[in-house]
């Protein structure tokens, strides 16, 4: 425990509590070698969480792209309707040109 606590500004009991939380979460495991209890990081649960988050990230990015598309279409429609409500210049009849 002393080796783990050394690089951190935390007490050994605080490090111990953190390790227990990580063990309950399945992120680390520990063994026993005489008086030592070596800890090992288990990356599999983190990989599963990462995959789950990645799936949701892709879902929300696609949803936001679709929303952006709808908003752009609405802007275009709004711009088109504003142009049609503005007064149009009068249409002048064409003059007939006499052929020689």
N, C-alpha and C. Protein backbone atom coordinates (compact mmCIF):
# COMPACT_ATOMS: atom_id res chain seq x y z
N UNK A 1 0.83 -1.18 0.00
CA UNK A 1 0.00 0.00 0.00
C UNK A 1 0.87 1.25 0.00
N UNK A 2 1.97 1.19 0.68
CA UNK A 2 2.88 2.34 0.74
C UNK A 2 3.40 2.72 -0.63
N UNK A 3 3.70 1.72 -1.47
CA UNK A 3 4.19 2.00 -2.82
C UNK A 3 3.13 2.71 -3.65
N UNK A 4 1.87 2.30 -3.48
CA UNK A 4 0.79 2.94 -4.23
C UNK A 4 0.55 4.37 -3.77
N UNK A 5 0.60 4.59 -2.47
CA UNK A 5 0.30 5.90 -1.92
C UNK A 5 1.41 6.91 -2.14
N UNK A 6 2.63 6.42 -2.35
CA UNK A 6 3.80 7.30 -2.43
C UNK A 6 3.67 8.44 -3.43
N UNK A 7 3.27 8.20 -4.70
CA UNK A 7 3.23 9.31 -5.65
C UNK A 7 2.05 10.27 -5.46
N UNK A 8 1.12 9.91 -4.57
CA UNK A 8 -0.08 10.74 -4.40
C UNK A 8 -0.06 11.46 -3.07
N UNK A 9 -0.72 12.59 -3.02
CA UNK A 9 -0.83 13.35 -1.77
C UNK A 9 -2.05 12.85 -1.01
N UNK A 10 -2.06 11.53 -0.74
CA UNK A 10 -3.18 10.90 -0.03
C UNK A 10 -2.63 9.97 1.04
N UNK A 11 -3.43 9.79 2.05
CA UNK A 11 -3.01 8.87 3.11
C UNK A 11 -3.22 7.43 2.66
N UNK A 12 -2.57 6.51 3.35
CA UNK A 12 -2.76 5.09 3.02
C UNK A 12 -4.20 4.65 3.23
N UNK A 13 -4.89 5.08 4.28
CA UNK A 13 -6.31 4.69 4.42
C UNK A 13 -7.17 5.21 3.26
N UNK A 14 -6.88 6.41 2.76
CA UNK A 14 -7.65 6.95 1.63
C UNK A 14 -7.39 6.11 0.38
N UNK A 15 -6.13 5.73 0.17
CA UNK A 15 -5.79 4.88 -0.98
C UNK A 15 -6.52 3.54 -0.84
N UNK A 16 -6.54 3.00 0.36
CA UNK A 16 -7.21 1.72 0.61
C UNK A 16 -8.70 1.80 0.26
N UNK A 17 -9.34 2.88 0.65
CA UNK A 17 -10.77 3.07 0.33
C UNK A 17 -10.98 3.13 -1.18
N UNK A 18 -10.12 3.86 -1.86
CA UNK A 18 -10.24 3.96 -3.32
C UNK A 18 -10.08 2.59 -3.96
N UNK A 19 -9.12 1.82 -3.49
CA UNK A 19 -8.89 0.49 -4.05
C UNK A 19 -10.10 -0.42 -3.83
N UNK A 20 -10.74 -0.31 -2.68
CA UNK A 20 -11.93 -1.12 -2.41
C UNK A 20 -13.06 -0.77 -3.37
N UNK A 21 -13.22 0.50 -3.64
CA UNK A 21 -14.25 0.93 -4.60
C UNK A 21 -13.95 0.36 -5.98
N UNK A 22 -12.69 0.43 -6.39
CA UNK A 22 -12.30 -0.10 -7.70
C UNK A 22 -12.48 -1.62 -7.75
N UNK A 23 -12.21 -2.30 -6.64
CA UNK A 23 -12.42 -3.75 -6.60
C UNK A 23 -13.90 -4.08 -6.73
N UNK A 24 -14.76 -3.37 -6.00
CA UNK A 24 -16.21 -3.63 -6.09
C UNK A 24 -16.73 -3.37 -7.50
N UNK A 25 -16.12 -2.41 -8.18
CA UNK A 25 -16.53 -2.11 -9.56
C UNK A 25 -15.98 -3.12 -10.55
N UNK A 26 -15.09 -4.01 -10.09
CA UNK A 26 -14.52 -5.01 -10.98
C UNK A 26 -13.38 -4.49 -11.84
N UNK A 27 -12.83 -3.34 -11.48
CA UNK A 27 -11.77 -2.75 -12.29
C UNK A 27 -10.38 -3.20 -11.87
N UNK A 28 -10.24 -3.66 -10.65
CA UNK A 28 -8.96 -4.22 -10.22
C UNK A 28 -9.21 -5.49 -9.43
N UNK A 29 -8.20 -6.31 -9.37
CA UNK A 29 -8.27 -7.53 -8.56
C UNK A 29 -6.99 -7.59 -7.73
N UNK A 30 -7.03 -8.37 -6.66
CA UNK A 30 -5.82 -8.47 -5.85
C UNK A 30 -5.56 -9.93 -5.51
N UNK A 31 -4.31 -10.19 -5.28
CA UNK A 31 -3.88 -11.53 -4.89
C UNK A 31 -3.18 -11.45 -3.55
N UNK A 32 -2.50 -12.52 -3.23
CA UNK A 32 -1.77 -12.53 -1.95
C UNK A 32 -0.46 -13.25 -2.16
N UNK A 33 0.61 -12.58 -1.81
CA UNK A 33 1.96 -13.16 -1.86
C UNK A 33 2.62 -12.85 -0.53
N UNK A 34 2.61 -13.82 0.35
CA UNK A 34 3.13 -13.64 1.72
C UNK A 34 2.39 -12.48 2.36
N UNK A 35 3.10 -11.41 2.69
CA UNK A 35 2.46 -10.26 3.33
C UNK A 35 2.04 -9.20 2.33
N UNK A 36 2.36 -9.42 1.08
CA UNK A 36 1.99 -8.46 0.03
C UNK A 36 0.65 -8.83 -0.57
N UNK A 37 -0.05 -7.84 -1.04
CA UNK A 37 -1.31 -8.05 -1.75
C UNK A 37 -1.25 -7.27 -3.07
N UNK A 38 -0.63 -7.86 -4.06
CA UNK A 38 -0.48 -7.14 -5.34
C UNK A 38 -1.84 -6.92 -6.01
N UNK A 39 -1.99 -5.75 -6.61
CA UNK A 39 -3.22 -5.39 -7.31
C UNK A 39 -2.96 -5.45 -8.81
N UNK A 40 -4.00 -5.83 -9.56
CA UNK A 40 -3.91 -5.87 -11.02
C UNK A 40 -5.09 -5.14 -11.62
N UNK A 41 -4.82 -4.34 -12.60
CA UNK A 41 -5.88 -3.63 -13.31
C UNK A 41 -6.54 -4.59 -14.29
N UNK A 42 -7.87 -4.61 -14.30
CA UNK A 42 -8.61 -5.44 -15.25
C UNK A 42 -9.28 -4.50 -16.25
N UNK A 43 -8.74 -4.39 -17.46
CA UNK A 43 -9.27 -3.42 -18.42
C UNK A 43 -10.58 -3.83 -19.09
N UNK A 44 -11.00 -5.09 -18.95
CA UNK A 44 -12.20 -5.54 -19.66
C UNK A 44 -13.45 -4.73 -19.32
N UNK A 45 -13.76 -4.48 -18.03
CA UNK A 45 -14.95 -3.67 -17.75
C UNK A 45 -14.87 -2.26 -18.36
N UNK A 46 -13.67 -1.69 -18.38
CA UNK A 46 -13.53 -0.37 -18.99
C UNK A 46 -13.77 -0.43 -20.49
N UNK A 47 -13.31 -1.50 -21.12
CA UNK A 47 -13.53 -1.66 -22.56
C UNK A 47 -15.02 -1.80 -22.86
N UNK A 48 -15.75 -2.52 -21.99
CA UNK A 48 -17.20 -2.67 -22.17
C UNK A 48 -17.92 -1.33 -22.03
N UNK A 49 -17.52 -0.55 -21.03
CA UNK A 49 -18.12 0.77 -20.84
C UNK A 49 -17.79 1.66 -22.04
N UNK A 50 -16.56 1.60 -22.50
CA UNK A 50 -16.16 2.40 -23.64
C UNK A 50 -16.99 2.04 -24.88
N UNK A 51 -17.23 0.76 -25.11
CA UNK A 51 -18.03 0.34 -26.25
C UNK A 51 -19.46 0.86 -26.13
N UNK A 52 -20.03 0.75 -24.93
CA UNK A 52 -21.38 1.23 -24.69
C UNK A 52 -21.46 2.74 -24.96
N UNK A 53 -20.48 3.50 -24.46
CA UNK A 53 -20.46 4.94 -24.69
C UNK A 53 -20.28 5.26 -26.17
N UNK A 54 -19.45 4.49 -26.84
CA UNK A 54 -19.20 4.72 -28.26
C UNK A 54 -20.48 4.52 -29.07
N UNK A 55 -21.25 3.49 -28.73
CA UNK A 55 -22.53 3.26 -29.42
C UNK A 55 -23.46 4.46 -29.25
N UNK A 56 -23.56 4.96 -28.03
CA UNK A 56 -24.41 6.12 -27.79
C UNK A 56 -23.86 7.37 -28.44
N UNK A 57 -22.55 7.53 -28.49
CA UNK A 57 -21.96 8.69 -29.15
C UNK A 57 -22.34 8.71 -30.63
N UNK A 58 -22.20 7.54 -31.28
CA UNK A 58 -22.58 7.45 -32.70
C UNK A 58 -24.06 7.76 -32.90
N UNK A 59 -24.91 7.22 -32.00
CA UNK A 59 -26.35 7.46 -32.09
C UNK A 59 -26.65 8.96 -32.00
N UNK A 60 -26.08 9.64 -31.00
CA UNK A 60 -26.38 11.05 -30.82
C UNK A 60 -25.77 11.91 -31.90
N UNK A 61 -24.61 11.55 -32.40
CA UNK A 61 -24.03 12.33 -33.50
C UNK A 61 -24.91 12.24 -34.74
N UNK A 62 -25.43 11.04 -35.02
CA UNK A 62 -26.33 10.89 -36.17
C UNK A 62 -27.62 11.69 -35.95
N UNK A 63 -28.15 11.65 -34.74
CA UNK A 63 -29.36 12.41 -34.44
C UNK A 63 -29.13 13.91 -34.60
N UNK A 64 -27.99 14.39 -34.15
CA UNK A 64 -27.69 15.82 -34.28
C UNK A 64 -27.48 16.21 -35.74
N UNK A 65 -26.87 15.32 -36.53
CA UNK A 65 -26.72 15.62 -37.97
C UNK A 65 -28.09 15.74 -38.62
N UNK A 66 -29.01 14.84 -38.27
CA UNK A 66 -30.37 14.91 -38.83
C UNK A 66 -31.06 16.19 -38.39
N UNK A 67 -30.90 16.56 -37.13
CA UNK A 67 -31.49 17.80 -36.63
C UNK A 67 -30.93 19.00 -37.37
N UNK A 68 -29.62 19.02 -37.59
CA UNK A 68 -29.00 20.12 -38.35
C UNK A 68 -29.61 20.22 -39.75
N UNK A 69 -29.83 19.06 -40.36
CA UNK A 69 -30.40 19.05 -41.71
C UNK A 69 -31.81 19.62 -41.70
N UNK A 70 -32.62 19.22 -40.74
CA UNK A 70 -33.99 19.73 -40.63
C UNK A 70 -33.98 21.24 -40.40
N UNK A 71 -33.10 21.70 -39.52
CA UNK A 71 -33.03 23.14 -39.25
C UNK A 71 -32.60 23.93 -40.48
N UNK A 72 -31.66 23.38 -41.25
CA UNK A 72 -31.25 24.06 -42.48
C UNK A 72 -32.41 24.13 -43.47
N UNK A 73 -33.18 23.04 -43.57
CA UNK A 73 -34.35 23.05 -44.46
C UNK A 73 -35.37 24.08 -44.01
N UNK A 74 -35.60 24.18 -42.70
CA UNK A 74 -36.54 25.17 -42.19
C UNK A 74 -36.06 26.59 -42.46
N UNK A 75 -34.76 26.82 -42.31
CA UNK A 75 -34.20 28.14 -42.61
C UNK A 75 -34.42 28.48 -44.07
N UNK A 76 -34.18 27.51 -44.94
CA UNK A 76 -34.36 27.75 -46.38
C UNK A 76 -35.82 28.05 -46.70
N UNK A 77 -36.74 27.31 -46.09
CA UNK A 77 -38.17 27.57 -46.31
C UNK A 77 -38.55 28.95 -45.80
N UNK A 78 -38.04 29.31 -44.64
CA UNK A 78 -38.35 30.61 -44.05
C UNK A 78 -37.81 31.72 -44.93
N UNK A 79 -36.60 31.55 -45.42
CA UNK A 79 -36.01 32.57 -46.30
C UNK A 79 -36.82 32.68 -47.59
N UNK A 80 -37.30 31.57 -48.11
CA UNK A 80 -38.11 31.58 -49.33
C UNK A 80 -39.44 32.25 -49.11
N UNK A 81 -40.06 32.04 -47.96
CA UNK A 81 -41.37 32.65 -47.70
C UNK A 81 -41.22 34.15 -47.46
N UNK A 82 -40.10 34.58 -46.89
CA UNK A 82 -39.87 36.01 -46.69
C UNK A 82 -39.71 36.71 -48.03
N UNK A 83 -39.07 36.05 -48.96
CA UNK A 83 -38.88 36.65 -50.28
C UNK A 83 -40.20 36.76 -51.02
N UNK A 84 -41.08 35.77 -50.86
CA UNK A 84 -42.35 35.80 -51.59
C UNK A 84 -43.32 36.81 -50.99
N UNK A 85 -43.16 37.21 -49.75
CA UNK A 85 -44.06 38.19 -49.14
C UNK A 85 -43.59 39.61 -49.38
N UNK A 86 -42.38 39.78 -49.88
CA UNK A 86 -41.90 41.12 -50.18
C UNK A 86 -42.54 41.59 -51.48
N UNK A 87 -42.84 42.87 -51.55
CA UNK A 87 -43.48 43.37 -52.78
C UNK A 87 -42.56 43.17 -53.98
N UNK A 88 -43.16 42.70 -55.05
CA UNK A 88 -42.42 42.46 -56.28
C UNK A 88 -42.50 43.71 -57.17
N UNK A 89 -41.45 43.99 -57.90
CA UNK A 89 -41.53 45.14 -58.81
C UNK A 89 -42.57 44.86 -59.90
N UNK A 90 -43.22 45.90 -60.36
CA UNK A 90 -44.26 45.68 -61.39
C UNK A 90 -43.65 45.11 -62.67
N UNK A 91 -44.44 44.28 -63.33
CA UNK A 91 -43.98 43.67 -64.58
C UNK A 91 -44.35 44.63 -65.70
N UNK A 92 -43.37 45.03 -66.47
CA UNK A 92 -43.61 45.94 -67.59
C UNK A 92 -43.82 45.13 -68.85
N UNK A 93 -44.81 45.50 -69.59
CA UNK A 93 -45.02 44.77 -70.84
C UNK A 93 -43.87 45.05 -71.81
N UNK A 94 -43.54 44.06 -72.58
CA UNK A 94 -42.48 44.24 -73.57
C UNK A 94 -43.01 45.06 -74.74
N UNK A 95 -42.15 45.89 -75.24
CA UNK A 95 -42.53 46.66 -76.42
C UNK A 95 -42.33 45.79 -77.64
N UNK A 96 -43.27 45.91 -78.50
CA UNK A 96 -43.13 45.18 -79.75
C UNK A 96 -42.21 45.98 -80.66
N UNK A 97 -41.29 45.26 -81.20
CA UNK A 97 -40.35 45.91 -82.09
C UNK A 97 -40.87 45.72 -83.52
N UNK A 98 -40.96 46.84 -84.27
CA UNK A 98 -41.44 46.75 -85.64
C UNK A 98 -40.32 46.23 -86.51
N UNK A 99 -40.68 45.27 -87.33
CA UNK A 99 -39.70 44.73 -88.25
C UNK A 99 -39.60 45.65 -89.45
N UNK A 100 -38.43 45.90 -89.95
CA UNK A 100 -38.30 46.78 -91.12
C UNK A 100 -38.78 46.14 -92.40
